[in-house]
Protein backbone atom coordinates (compact mmCIF):
# COMPACT_ATOMS: atom_id res chain seq x y z
CA UNK A 1 -14.47 4.37 7.04
CA UNK A 2 -11.82 7.08 6.86
CA UNK A 3 -10.43 6.18 3.46
CA UNK A 4 -10.87 9.11 1.09
CA UNK A 5 -10.56 8.08 -2.53
CA UNK A 6 -13.32 9.98 -4.22
CA UNK A 7 -11.78 13.25 -5.35
CA UNK A 8 -9.16 13.22 -8.09
CA UNK A 9 -5.97 15.03 -7.17
CA UNK A 10 -3.74 13.82 -9.96
CA UNK A 11 -2.75 10.78 -11.90
CA UNK A 12 0.08 8.85 -10.36
CA UNK A 13 1.54 11.81 -8.46
CA UNK A 14 1.67 12.87 -4.86
CA UNK A 15 2.75 16.41 -4.08
CA UNK A 16 4.25 16.69 -7.57
CA UNK A 17 6.25 13.49 -7.04
CA UNK A 18 5.53 10.34 -8.98
CA UNK A 19 4.82 7.40 -6.71
CA UNK A 20 7.52 4.78 -7.24
CA UNK A 21 8.42 1.60 -5.48
CA UNK A 22 11.99 1.48 -4.17
CA UNK A 23 12.68 -1.78 -6.05
CA UNK A 24 14.24 -3.00 -2.82
CA UNK A 25 17.11 -0.52 -2.85
CA UNK A 26 18.17 1.36 0.25
CA UNK A 27 17.25 5.01 0.06
CA UNK A 28 19.82 7.67 0.76
CA UNK A 29 19.42 9.78 3.91
CA UNK A 30 18.22 12.64 1.68
CA UNK A 31 15.56 10.41 0.08
CA UNK A 32 14.39 9.19 3.50
CA UNK A 33 13.67 12.77 4.60
CA UNK A 34 10.50 12.75 2.47
CA UNK A 35 8.92 10.40 5.03
CA UNK A 36 7.28 11.56 8.25
CA UNK A 37 7.97 8.13 9.77
CA UNK A 38 9.89 4.99 8.88
CA UNK A 39 9.21 1.90 10.97
CA UNK A 40 10.81 -1.52 10.88
CA UNK A 41 8.66 -4.52 10.06
CA UNK A 42 9.34 -8.27 9.81
CA UNK A 43 9.58 -7.90 6.01
CA UNK A 44 11.73 -4.75 5.91
CA UNK A 45 10.36 -1.31 6.72
CA UNK A 46 7.42 0.96 5.93
CA UNK A 47 7.73 4.65 5.13
CA UNK A 48 4.76 6.96 5.81
CA UNK A 49 4.31 10.45 4.39
CA UNK A 50 1.59 12.78 5.71
CA UNK A 51 0.22 16.13 4.54
CA UNK A 52 -1.67 19.08 6.03
CA UNK A 53 -1.59 17.67 9.57
CA UNK A 54 -3.69 19.80 11.92
CA UNK A 55 -6.01 21.01 9.17
CA UNK A 56 -9.28 19.64 7.81
CA UNK A 57 -7.29 18.30 4.83
CA UNK A 58 -4.84 16.20 6.87
CA UNK A 59 -4.12 12.86 5.27
CA UNK A 60 -1.65 10.09 4.68
CA UNK A 61 -0.11 10.93 1.31
CA UNK A 62 1.88 7.74 0.77
CA UNK A 63 2.89 4.44 2.32
CA UNK A 64 5.98 2.78 0.82
CA UNK A 65 7.63 -0.59 1.40
CA UNK A 66 11.32 -0.19 2.16
CA UNK A 67 14.03 -2.84 2.46
CA UNK A 68 15.69 -4.15 5.62
CA UNK A 69 18.32 -1.68 6.74
CA UNK A 70 16.26 1.44 6.05
CA UNK A 71 16.97 3.95 8.81
CA UNK A 72 14.10 4.23 11.27
CA UNK A 73 12.53 7.69 11.61
CA UNK A 74 10.39 8.45 14.65
CA UNK A 75 6.97 9.82 13.69
CA UNK A 76 7.21 13.56 13.09
CA UNK A 77 3.52 14.27 13.66
CA UNK A 78 0.35 12.87 15.23
CA UNK A 79 -0.97 11.33 12.00
CA UNK A 80 2.35 9.61 11.20
CA UNK A 81 2.30 8.20 14.75
CA UNK A 82 -1.28 6.98 14.27
CA UNK A 83 -0.34 5.33 10.96
CA UNK A 84 2.61 3.53 12.59
CA UNK A 85 0.43 2.41 15.48
CA UNK A 86 -2.11 1.00 13.03
CA UNK A 87 0.60 -0.83 11.07
CA UNK A 88 1.81 -2.30 14.38
CA UNK A 89 -1.75 -3.43 15.16
CA UNK A 90 -1.98 -5.12 11.74
CA UNK A 91 1.37 -6.84 12.33
CA UNK A 92 0.04 -8.14 15.67
CA UNK A 93 -3.40 -9.07 14.27
CA UNK A 94 -3.77 -9.57 10.51
CA UNK A 95 -7.54 -9.07 10.76
CA UNK A 96 -7.01 -5.45 11.86
CA UNK A 97 -8.03 -2.98 9.12
CA UNK A 98 -6.12 0.26 8.80
CA UNK A 99 -8.49 3.24 8.92
CA UNK A 100 -6.56 6.34 7.98
CA UNK A 101 -7.49 9.50 6.08
CA UNK A 102 -5.93 8.85 2.65
CA UNK A 103 -5.01 11.52 0.14
CA UNK A 104 -7.39 11.41 -2.83
CA UNK A 105 -5.06 10.33 -5.65
CA UNK A 106 -5.24 8.29 -8.81
CA UNK A 107 -7.56 8.16 -11.76
CA UNK A 108 -11.25 7.45 -11.39
CA UNK A 109 -10.60 3.90 -12.63
CA UNK A 110 -7.75 3.32 -10.16
CA UNK A 111 -9.93 4.52 -7.29
CA UNK A 112 -12.69 2.09 -8.37
CA UNK A 113 -10.18 -0.77 -8.31
CA UNK A 114 -8.78 0.32 -4.93
CA UNK A 115 -12.29 0.51 -3.46
CA UNK A 116 -12.99 -3.02 -4.70
CA UNK A 117 -9.68 -4.27 -3.26
CA UNK A 118 -10.48 -2.65 0.10
CA UNK A 119 -13.54 -4.94 0.30
CA UNK A 120 -11.43 -8.15 0.24
CA UNK A 121 -11.33 -9.50 3.81
CA UNK A 122 -8.26 -10.76 5.61
CA UNK A 123 -7.49 -14.40 4.80
CA UNK A 124 -9.08 -14.20 1.35
CA UNK A 125 -7.69 -13.47 -2.09
CA UNK A 126 -9.28 -12.61 -5.40
CA UNK A 127 -7.74 -12.90 -8.83
CA UNK A 128 -7.08 -9.94 -11.10
CA UNK A 129 -9.70 -11.47 -13.41
CA UNK A 130 -12.35 -11.69 -10.68
CA UNK A 131 -11.85 -8.05 -9.71
CA UNK A 132 -11.88 -7.09 -13.39
CA UNK A 133 -15.14 -8.95 -13.97
CA UNK A 134 -16.78 -7.05 -11.10
CA UNK A 135 -15.63 -3.77 -12.67
CA UNK A 136 -16.38 -4.82 -16.27
CA UNK A 137 -12.72 -4.33 -17.08
CA UNK A 138 -9.64 -6.38 -17.90
CA UNK A 139 -7.20 -8.18 -15.59
CA UNK A 140 -4.16 -6.27 -16.92
CA UNK A 141 -5.81 -2.92 -16.12
CA UNK A 142 -6.60 -4.16 -12.60
CA UNK A 143 -2.97 -5.23 -12.18
CA UNK A 144 -1.76 -1.81 -13.30
CA UNK A 145 -4.09 -0.11 -10.81
CA UNK A 146 -2.82 -2.44 -8.06
CA UNK A 147 0.74 -1.45 -8.95
CA UNK A 148 -0.18 2.23 -8.67
CA UNK A 149 -1.58 1.83 -5.12
CA UNK A 150 -0.18 4.60 -2.90
CA UNK A 151 -1.43 2.96 0.31
CA UNK A 152 -0.42 -0.71 0.66
CA UNK A 153 -1.74 -2.27 3.85
CA UNK A 154 -4.54 0.36 4.02
CA UNK A 155 -5.67 -0.80 0.56
CA UNK A 156 -4.55 -4.46 0.64
CA UNK A 157 -3.48 -5.01 -2.96
CA UNK A 158 -1.47 -8.04 -1.77
CA UNK A 159 -4.83 -9.86 -1.65
CA UNK A 160 -5.12 -9.74 -5.45
CA UNK A 161 -3.34 -12.63 -7.17
CA UNK A 162 -3.00 -14.16 -10.61
CA UNK A 163 -5.35 -17.00 -11.58
CA UNK A 164 -2.41 -19.40 -11.69
CA UNK A 165 -0.20 -18.12 -8.88
CA UNK A 166 0.83 -15.20 -6.75
CA UNK A 167 1.04 -12.57 -9.51
CA UNK A 168 3.01 -9.32 -9.30
CA UNK A 169 3.20 -6.73 -6.57
CA UNK A 170 3.84 -2.98 -6.31
CA UNK A 171 4.94 -2.76 -9.95
CA UNK A 172 7.94 -4.79 -8.94
CA UNK A 173 8.97 -8.15 -10.31
CA UNK A 174 12.26 -7.84 -8.50
CA UNK A 175 11.80 -10.42 -5.77
CA UNK A 176 11.77 -7.75 -3.03
CA UNK A 177 8.08 -6.93 -3.42
CA UNK A 178 7.04 -10.53 -4.13
CA UNK A 179 8.77 -11.55 -0.89
CA UNK A 180 6.69 -8.92 0.93
CA UNK A 181 3.50 -10.13 -0.78
CA UNK A 182 4.26 -13.72 0.28
CA UNK A 183 4.94 -12.57 3.85
CA UNK A 184 1.69 -10.56 4.05
CA UNK A 185 -0.38 -13.42 2.64
CA UNK A 186 1.24 -15.96 4.99
CA UNK A 187 0.62 -13.54 7.88
CA UNK A 188 -3.05 -13.69 6.89
CA UNK A 189 -3.02 -17.51 6.65
CA UNK A 190 -2.54 -17.91 2.88
CA UNK A 191 0.54 -19.73 1.55
CA UNK A 192 1.70 -19.67 -2.06
CA UNK A 193 4.32 -22.09 -3.34
CA UNK A 194 6.70 -21.54 -6.22
């Protein structure tokens, strides 16, 4: 497993930049330059940012959901290309698991939640409460950690749902991210109504 989540590099920041969802808005050309690749997907686009490529510390620093219409950016380096190829493989086969070197970010608690989420197999979901029980925590804290996930698809936080429905996604209650969550779950054979 190439996921690296054990060392703490900061709380909620990547390269001095706070990780934020786009809330479904189109990013300006200047904002898009932070990505080393932007690829179109059936649900919009995915932006990938890499760091230290060609060194022993090379990693994916961030994966971000972007809306339809985001300008595509060809991968700028080998790792960005590999990340895009793995996203393509997941889109072709939902059972495919992304195996990328991930930047060690987040708090110790967030990393524990992300490790637990990474164990959820394709085609299955767990509730925030179930994950919380495993971690001897609370569902709200699990939801906050899910929302702080820097690596959607690699750490499939879309597989964590509320006990009575689909729940939130990517700290967004804006419809954009919930639409992506519904698409990803349906892609994996799970349909949510309402």
